[in-house]
Amino acid sequence: MSFVFATHNKSKAVEVERLINNKIDILTLGDLNISQDIPETSATIEGNALQKARFVFEKYSYNCFADDTGLEVEALKGAPGVYSARYAGEQKNDNDNIAKLLNELKGQNNRKARFKTVIALIINWKEYLFEGIIRGEITEERQGIRGFGYDSVFKPEGSLCTFAEMTIEEKNKISHRAIAINKLAEFLKSY
């Protein structure tokens, strides 16, 4: 069974392919030569995931899934949340986003945060949602060079290192995306 993963993010696609472990065939938007940016205008993570999946399903008629992830920081009342990718502006620059986050948390003792991923699956016109959450804290400075997004400043609960200090295999054992993808994979086994 083949599915389109509605993403242009190659790092994210590699993570998902490793998590799915060849259980299904995954095509990305790049594989289909779709370069169009998919709108993300919902006020929720769930809404954005559904919006992206619906866009691909309705426009190209492929069974597909899409994800949306947000970093929710307690001291910032859940920000950046749904705006995580464009926290520092529409250019969606990871370095700018991290710099803004660290600046806003300067002097804050409460650095609790969580990553939340929601995957929306559309298969034969039916929609399903799968959620993954991991709790942790924001470090005071960047640590590590692996990963993407906020990985260099997010330290999961019970870990001595950030996601960016972990190998992809270590991260994939505990990450928010891994939790959601594993739920998706379990669902697809019985489909």
C-alpha atoms as a PDB file:
ATOM      1  CA  MET A   1       0.000   0.000   0.000  1.00  0.00           C
ATOM      2  CA  SER A   2       1.369   3.446  -0.934  1.00  0.00           C
ATOM      3  CA  PHE A   3       0.723   6.769   0.739  1.00  0.00           C
ATOM      4  CA  VAL A   4       1.792  10.309   0.034  1.00  0.00           C
ATOM      5  CA  PHE A   5       3.386  12.067   2.988  1.00  0.00           C
ATOM      6  CA  ALA A   6       2.340  15.691   2.489  1.00  0.00           C
ATOM      7  CA  THR A   7       5.667  17.320   3.280  1.00  0.00           C
ATOM      8  CA  HIS A   8       8.552  19.129   1.605  1.00  0.00           C
ATOM      9  CA  ASN A   9      10.747  18.555   4.692  1.00  0.00           C
ATOM     10  CA  LYS A  10      13.296  15.878   3.719  1.00  0.00           C
ATOM     11  CA  SER A  11      14.582  15.448   7.300  1.00  0.00           C
ATOM     12  CA  LYS A  12      11.063  14.747   8.502  1.00  0.00           C
ATOM     13  CA  ALA A  13      10.497  12.254   5.675  1.00  0.00           C
ATOM     14  CA  VAL A  14      13.688  10.367   6.589  1.00  0.00           C
ATOM     15  CA  GLU A  15      12.553  10.159  10.225  1.00  0.00           C
ATOM     16  CA  VAL A  16       9.146   8.818   9.214  1.00  0.00           C
ATOM     17  CA  GLU A  17      10.586   6.284   6.759  1.00  0.00           C
ATOM     18  CA  ARG A  18      12.833   4.905   9.501  1.00  0.00           C
ATOM     19  CA  LEU A  19       9.929   4.738  11.928  1.00  0.00           C
ATOM     20  CA  ILE A  20       7.589   3.016   9.477  1.00  0.00           C
ATOM     21  CA  ASN A  21      10.457   0.639   8.613  1.00  0.00           C
ATOM     22  CA  ASN A  22       9.198  -0.307   5.134  1.00  0.00           C
ATOM     23  CA  LYS A  23       5.751  -1.290   6.417  1.00  0.00           C
ATOM     24  CA  ILE A  24       4.181   0.933   3.750  1.00  0.00           C
ATOM     25  CA  ASP A  25       5.497   2.709   0.677  1.00  0.00           C
ATOM     26  CA  ILE A  26       5.876   6.431   1.281  1.00  0.00           C
ATOM     27  CA  LEU A  27       6.035   9.048  -1.445  1.00  0.00           C
ATOM     28  CA  THR A  28       6.788  12.668  -0.612  1.00  0.00           C
ATOM     29  CA  LEU A  29       5.536  15.754  -2.415  1.00  0.00           C
ATOM     30  CA  GLY A  30       8.974  15.989  -4.043  1.00  0.00           C
ATOM     31  CA  ASP A  31       8.626  12.444  -5.399  1.00  0.00           C
ATOM     32  CA  LEU A  32       5.463  13.592  -7.166  1.00  0.00           C
ATOM     33  CA  ASN A  33       7.036  16.864  -8.363  1.00  0.00           C
ATOM     34  CA  ILE A  34       4.584  18.880  -6.263  1.00  0.00           C
ATOM     35  CA  SER A  35       6.390  22.070  -5.334  1.00  0.00           C
ATOM     36  CA  GLN A  36       3.353  24.052  -4.284  1.00  0.00           C
ATOM     37  CA  ASP A  37       3.260  25.259  -0.677  1.00  0.00           C
ATOM     38  CA  ILE A  38       0.302  23.774   1.155  1.00  0.00           C
ATOM     39  CA  PRO A  39      -1.703  26.258   3.209  1.00  0.00           C
ATOM     40  CA  GLU A  40      -1.491  26.034   7.002  1.00  0.00           C
ATOM     41  CA  THR A  41      -4.052  28.544   8.205  1.00  0.00           C
ATOM     42  CA  SER A  42      -5.788  26.650  10.992  1.00  0.00           C
ATOM     43  CA  ALA A  43      -5.604  27.859  14.597  1.00  0.00           C
ATOM     44  CA  THR A  44      -4.802  24.323  15.802  1.00  0.00           C
ATOM     45  CA  ILE A  45      -2.173  21.679  15.168  1.00  0.00           C
ATOM     46  CA  GLU A  46      -4.915  19.152  14.382  1.00  0.00           C
ATOM     47  CA  GLY A  47      -6.507  21.575  11.932  1.00  0.00           C
ATOM     48  CA  ASN A  48      -3.254  22.186  10.073  1.00  0.00           C
ATOM     49  CA  ALA A  49      -2.539  18.458   9.744  1.00  0.00           C
ATOM     50  CA  LEU A  50      -6.032  17.873   8.343  1.00  0.00           C
ATOM     51  CA  GLN A  51      -5.785  20.891   6.044  1.00  0.00           C
ATOM     52  CA  LYS A  52      -2.563  19.584   4.477  1.00  0.00           C
ATOM     53  CA  ALA A  53      -3.863  16.028   4.074  1.00  0.00           C
ATOM     54  CA  ARG A  54      -7.144  17.237   2.579  1.00  0.00           C
ATOM     55  CA  PHE A  55      -5.291  19.490   0.143  1.00  0.00           C
ATOM     56  CA  VAL A  56      -3.280  16.568  -1.278  1.00  0.00           C
ATOM     57  CA  PHE A  57      -6.193  14.118  -1.237  1.00  0.00           C
ATOM     58  CA  GLU A  58      -8.653  16.481  -2.926  1.00  0.00           C
ATOM     59  CA  LYS A  59      -6.236  17.920  -5.473  1.00  0.00           C
ATOM     60  CA  TYR A  60      -4.256  14.800  -6.422  1.00  0.00           C
ATOM     61  CA  SER A  61      -6.526  11.888  -5.322  1.00  0.00           C
ATOM     62  CA  TYR A  62      -3.824  10.076  -3.349  1.00  0.00           C
ATOM     63  CA  ASN A  63      -4.352   8.361  -0.016  1.00  0.00           C
ATOM     64  CA  CYS A  64      -2.127  10.438   2.164  1.00  0.00           C
ATOM     65  CA  PHE A  65      -1.078  11.592   5.570  1.00  0.00           C
ATOM     66  CA  ALA A  66       0.229  14.881   6.861  1.00  0.00           C
ATOM     67  CA  ASP A  67       1.569  16.000  10.171  1.00  0.00           C
ATOM     68  CA  ASP A  68       1.811  19.203  12.077  1.00  0.00           C
ATOM     69  CA  THR A  69       3.983  19.740  15.098  1.00  0.00           C
ATOM     70  CA  GLY A  70       4.116  22.470  17.651  1.00  0.00           C
ATOM     71  CA  LEU A  71       6.430  23.286  20.503  1.00  0.00           C
ATOM     72  CA  GLU A  72       4.352  24.477  23.438  1.00  0.00           C
ATOM     73  CA  VAL A  73       6.247  26.352  26.165  1.00  0.00           C
ATOM     74  CA  GLU A  74       4.504  26.693  29.513  1.00  0.00           C
ATOM     75  CA  ALA A  75       6.005  30.094  30.456  1.00  0.00           C
ATOM     76  CA  LEU A  76       4.913  31.471  27.067  1.00  0.00           C
ATOM     77  CA  LYS A  77       1.306  30.293  27.534  1.00  0.00           C
ATOM     78  CA  GLY A  78       1.736  27.554  24.922  1.00  0.00           C
ATOM     79  CA  ALA A  79       3.636  29.613  22.355  1.00  0.00           C
ATOM     80  CA  PRO A  80       4.985  29.158  19.780  1.00  0.00           C
ATOM     81  CA  GLY A  81       2.458  26.308  19.371  1.00  0.00           C
ATOM     82  CA  VAL A  82       0.750  26.227  15.990  1.00  0.00           C
ATOM     83  CA  TYR A  83       3.135  28.995  14.828  1.00  0.00           C
ATOM     84  CA  SER A  84       6.319  27.041  15.663  1.00  0.00           C
ATOM     85  CA  ALA A  85       7.643  26.911  12.072  1.00  0.00           C
ATOM     86  CA  ARG A  86       7.165  30.657  11.519  1.00  0.00           C
ATOM     87  CA  TYR A  87       7.684  31.882  15.080  1.00  0.00           C
ATOM     88  CA  ALA A  88      10.285  34.443  13.997  1.00  0.00           C
ATOM     89  CA  GLY A  89       8.634  35.213  10.645  1.00  0.00           C
ATOM     90  CA  GLU A  90       7.324  33.793   7.397  1.00  0.00           C
ATOM     91  CA  GLN A  91      10.832  32.797   6.257  1.00  0.00           C
ATOM     92  CA  LYS A  92      10.468  29.684   8.516  1.00  0.00           C
ATOM     93  CA  ASN A  93      14.114  29.819   9.630  1.00  0.00           C
ATOM     94  CA  ASP A  94      15.057  27.379  12.412  1.00  0.00           C
ATOM     95  CA  ASN A  95      17.947  29.534  13.660  1.00  0.00           C
ATOM     96  CA  ASP A  96      15.763  32.639  13.874  1.00  0.00           C
ATOM     97  CA  ASN A  97      13.005  30.701  15.648  1.00  0.00           C
ATOM     98  CA  ILE A  98      15.423  29.325  18.246  1.00  0.00           C
ATOM     99  CA  ALA A  99      17.016  32.739  18.798  1.00  0.00           C
ATOM    100  CA  LYS A 100      13.609  34.301  19.417  1.00  0.00           C
ATOM    101  CA  LEU A 101      12.572  31.502  21.784  1.00  0.00           C
ATOM    102  CA  LEU A 102      15.766  31.693  23.836  1.00  0.00           C
ATOM    103  CA  ASN A 103      15.497  35.480  24.011  1.00  0.00           C
ATOM    104  CA  GLU A 104      11.898  35.305  25.245  1.00  0.00           C
ATOM    105  CA  LEU A 105      12.871  32.795  27.929  1.00  0.00           C
ATOM    106  CA  LYS A 106      15.839  34.792  29.252  1.00  0.00           C
ATOM    107  CA  GLY A 107      15.621  34.947  33.020  1.00  0.00           C
ATOM    108  CA  GLN A 108      12.744  32.452  33.150  1.00  0.00           C
ATOM    109  CA  ASN A 109      13.000  29.660  35.706  1.00  0.00           C
ATOM    110  CA  ASN A 110      10.038  27.767  34.274  1.00  0.00           C
ATOM    111  CA  ARG A 111      11.369  26.216  31.075  1.00  0.00           C
ATOM    112  CA  LYS A 112       8.857  23.357  30.849  1.00  0.00           C
ATOM    113  CA  ALA A 113       7.726  22.555  27.332  1.00  0.00           C
ATOM    114  CA  ARG A 114       6.202  19.828  25.250  1.00  0.00           C
ATOM    115  CA  PHE A 115       6.320  18.817  21.630  1.00  0.00           C
ATOM    116  CA  LYS A 116       3.004  17.768  20.121  1.00  0.00           C
ATOM    117  CA  THR A 117       2.608  16.059  16.757  1.00  0.00           C
ATOM    118  CA  VAL A 118      -0.702  15.261  15.118  1.00  0.00           C
ATOM    119  CA  ILE A 119      -0.872  13.074  12.031  1.00  0.00           C
ATOM    120  CA  ALA A 120      -3.945  13.248   9.814  1.00  0.00           C
ATOM    121  CA  LEU A 121      -4.511  10.226   7.597  1.00  0.00           C
ATOM    122  CA  ILE A 122      -6.979  10.220   4.727  1.00  0.00           C
ATOM    123  CA  ILE A 123      -7.649   6.870   3.163  1.00  0.00           C
ATOM    124  CA  ASN A 124     -10.587   6.291   0.820  1.00  0.00           C
ATOM    125  CA  TRP A 125     -12.277   9.532   1.955  1.00  0.00           C
ATOM    126  CA  LYS A 126     -12.095   8.597   5.662  1.00  0.00           C
ATOM    127  CA  GLU A 127     -10.102  10.778   8.062  1.00  0.00           C
ATOM    128  CA  TYR A 128      -8.158   9.637  11.123  1.00  0.00           C
ATOM    129  CA  LEU A 129      -5.997  11.520  13.650  1.00  0.00           C
ATOM    130  CA  PHE A 130      -3.013  10.215  15.646  1.00  0.00           C
ATOM    131  CA  GLU A 131      -1.326  12.253  18.385  1.00  0.00           C
ATOM    132  CA  GLY A 132       2.100  12.084  20.016  1.00  0.00           C
ATOM    133  CA  ILE A 133       3.305  14.227  22.927  1.00  0.00           C
ATOM    134  CA  ILE A 134       6.649  14.352  24.715  1.00  0.00           C
ATOM    135  CA  ARG A 135       7.355  16.580  27.686  1.00  0.00           C
ATOM    136  CA  GLY A 136      10.656  18.208  28.504  1.00  0.00           C
ATOM    137  CA  GLU A 137      12.329  21.562  28.944  1.00  0.00           C
ATOM    138  CA  ILE A 138      14.008  24.264  26.922  1.00  0.00           C
ATOM    139  CA  THR A 139      17.747  24.545  27.524  1.00  0.00           C
ATOM    140  CA  GLU A 140      19.411  27.911  28.050  1.00  0.00           C
ATOM    141  CA  GLU A 141      21.542  27.501  24.932  1.00  0.00           C
ATOM    142  CA  ARG A 142      21.789  25.304  21.871  1.00  0.00           C
ATOM    143  CA  GLN A 143      23.245  21.854  22.407  1.00  0.00           C
ATOM    144  CA  GLY A 144      24.017  19.397  19.612  1.00  0.00           C
ATOM    145  CA  ILE A 145      24.113  19.536  15.839  1.00  0.00           C
ATOM    146  CA  ARG A 146      21.703  16.815  14.715  1.00  0.00           C
ATOM    147  CA  GLY A 147      18.022  17.073  13.950  1.00  0.00           C
ATOM    148  CA  PHE A 148      16.070  20.116  12.848  1.00  0.00           C
ATOM    149  CA  GLY A 149      13.653  22.694  14.159  1.00  0.00           C
ATOM    150  CA  TYR A 150      13.941  23.186  17.922  1.00  0.00           C
ATOM    151  CA  ASP A 151      15.868  19.931  18.508  1.00  0.00           C
ATOM    152  CA  SER A 152      18.998  21.711  19.795  1.00  0.00           C
ATOM    153  CA  VAL A 153      17.104  23.410  22.650  1.00  0.00           C
ATOM    154  CA  PHE A 154      14.603  20.687  23.656  1.00  0.00           C
ATOM    155  CA  LYS A 155      15.655  18.209  26.346  1.00  0.00           C
ATOM    156  CA  PRO A 156      13.080  15.432  26.914  1.00  0.00           C
ATOM    157  CA  GLU A 157      12.123  14.497  30.480  1.00  0.00           C
ATOM    158  CA  GLY A 158      14.529  11.937  31.906  1.00  0.00           C
ATOM    159  CA  SER A 159      17.223  12.669  29.315  1.00  0.00           C
ATOM    160  CA  LEU A 160      20.611  14.267  29.842  1.00  0.00           C
ATOM    161  CA  CYS A 161      20.780  15.526  26.273  1.00  0.00           C
ATOM    162  CA  THR A 162      18.721  17.405  23.703  1.00  0.00           C
ATOM    163  CA  PHE A 163      17.189  15.800  20.624  1.00  0.00           C
ATOM    164  CA  ALA A 164      20.048  17.351  18.612  1.00  0.00           C
ATOM    165  CA  GLU A 165      22.595  15.435  20.707  1.00  0.00           C
ATOM    166  CA  MET A 166      20.876  12.098  20.040  1.00  0.00           C
ATOM    167  CA  THR A 167      21.276   9.839  17.059  1.00  0.00           C
ATOM    168  CA  ILE A 168      18.187   9.591  14.891  1.00  0.00           C
ATOM    169  CA  GLU A 169      17.651   6.076  16.278  1.00  0.00           C
ATOM    170  CA  GLU A 170      17.716   7.352  19.878  1.00  0.00           C
ATOM    171  CA  LYS A 171      15.358  10.200  19.063  1.00  0.00           C
ATOM    172  CA  ASN A 172      12.987   7.896  17.189  1.00  0.00           C
ATOM    173  CA  LYS A 173      12.539   5.720  20.282  1.00  0.00           C
ATOM    174  CA  ILE A 174      10.947   8.544  22.292  1.00  0.00           C
ATOM    175  CA  SER A 175       9.959  11.499  20.102  1.00  0.00           C
ATOM    176  CA  HIS A 176       6.509  13.008  19.706  1.00  0.00           C
ATOM    177  CA  ARG A 177       6.603  12.159  16.004  1.00  0.00           C
ATOM    178  CA  ALA A 178       7.605   8.558  16.788  1.00  0.00           C
ATOM    179  CA  ILE A 179       4.656   8.184  19.160  1.00  0.00           C
ATOM    180  CA  ALA A 180       2.206   9.473  16.536  1.00  0.00           C
ATOM    181  CA  ILE A 181       3.789   7.485  13.676  1.00  0.00           C
ATOM    182  CA  ASN A 182       3.724   4.285  15.736  1.00  0.00           C
ATOM    183  CA  LYS A 183      -0.004   4.822  16.308  1.00  0.00           C
ATOM    184  CA  LEU A 184      -0.431   5.325  12.551  1.00  0.00           C
ATOM    185  CA  ALA A 185       1.583   2.186  11.763  1.00  0.00           C
ATOM    186  CA  GLU A 186      -0.455   0.112  14.242  1.00  0.00           C
ATOM    187  CA  PHE A 187      -3.668   1.363  12.666  1.00  0.00           C
ATOM    188  CA  LEU A 188      -2.475   0.532   9.150  1.00  0.00           C
ATOM    189  CA  LYS A 189      -1.614  -3.045  10.179  1.00  0.00           C
ATOM    190  CA  SER A 190      -5.285  -3.730  10.691  1.00  0.00           C
ATOM    191  CA  TYR A 191      -6.510  -1.820   7.659  1.00  0.00           C
END
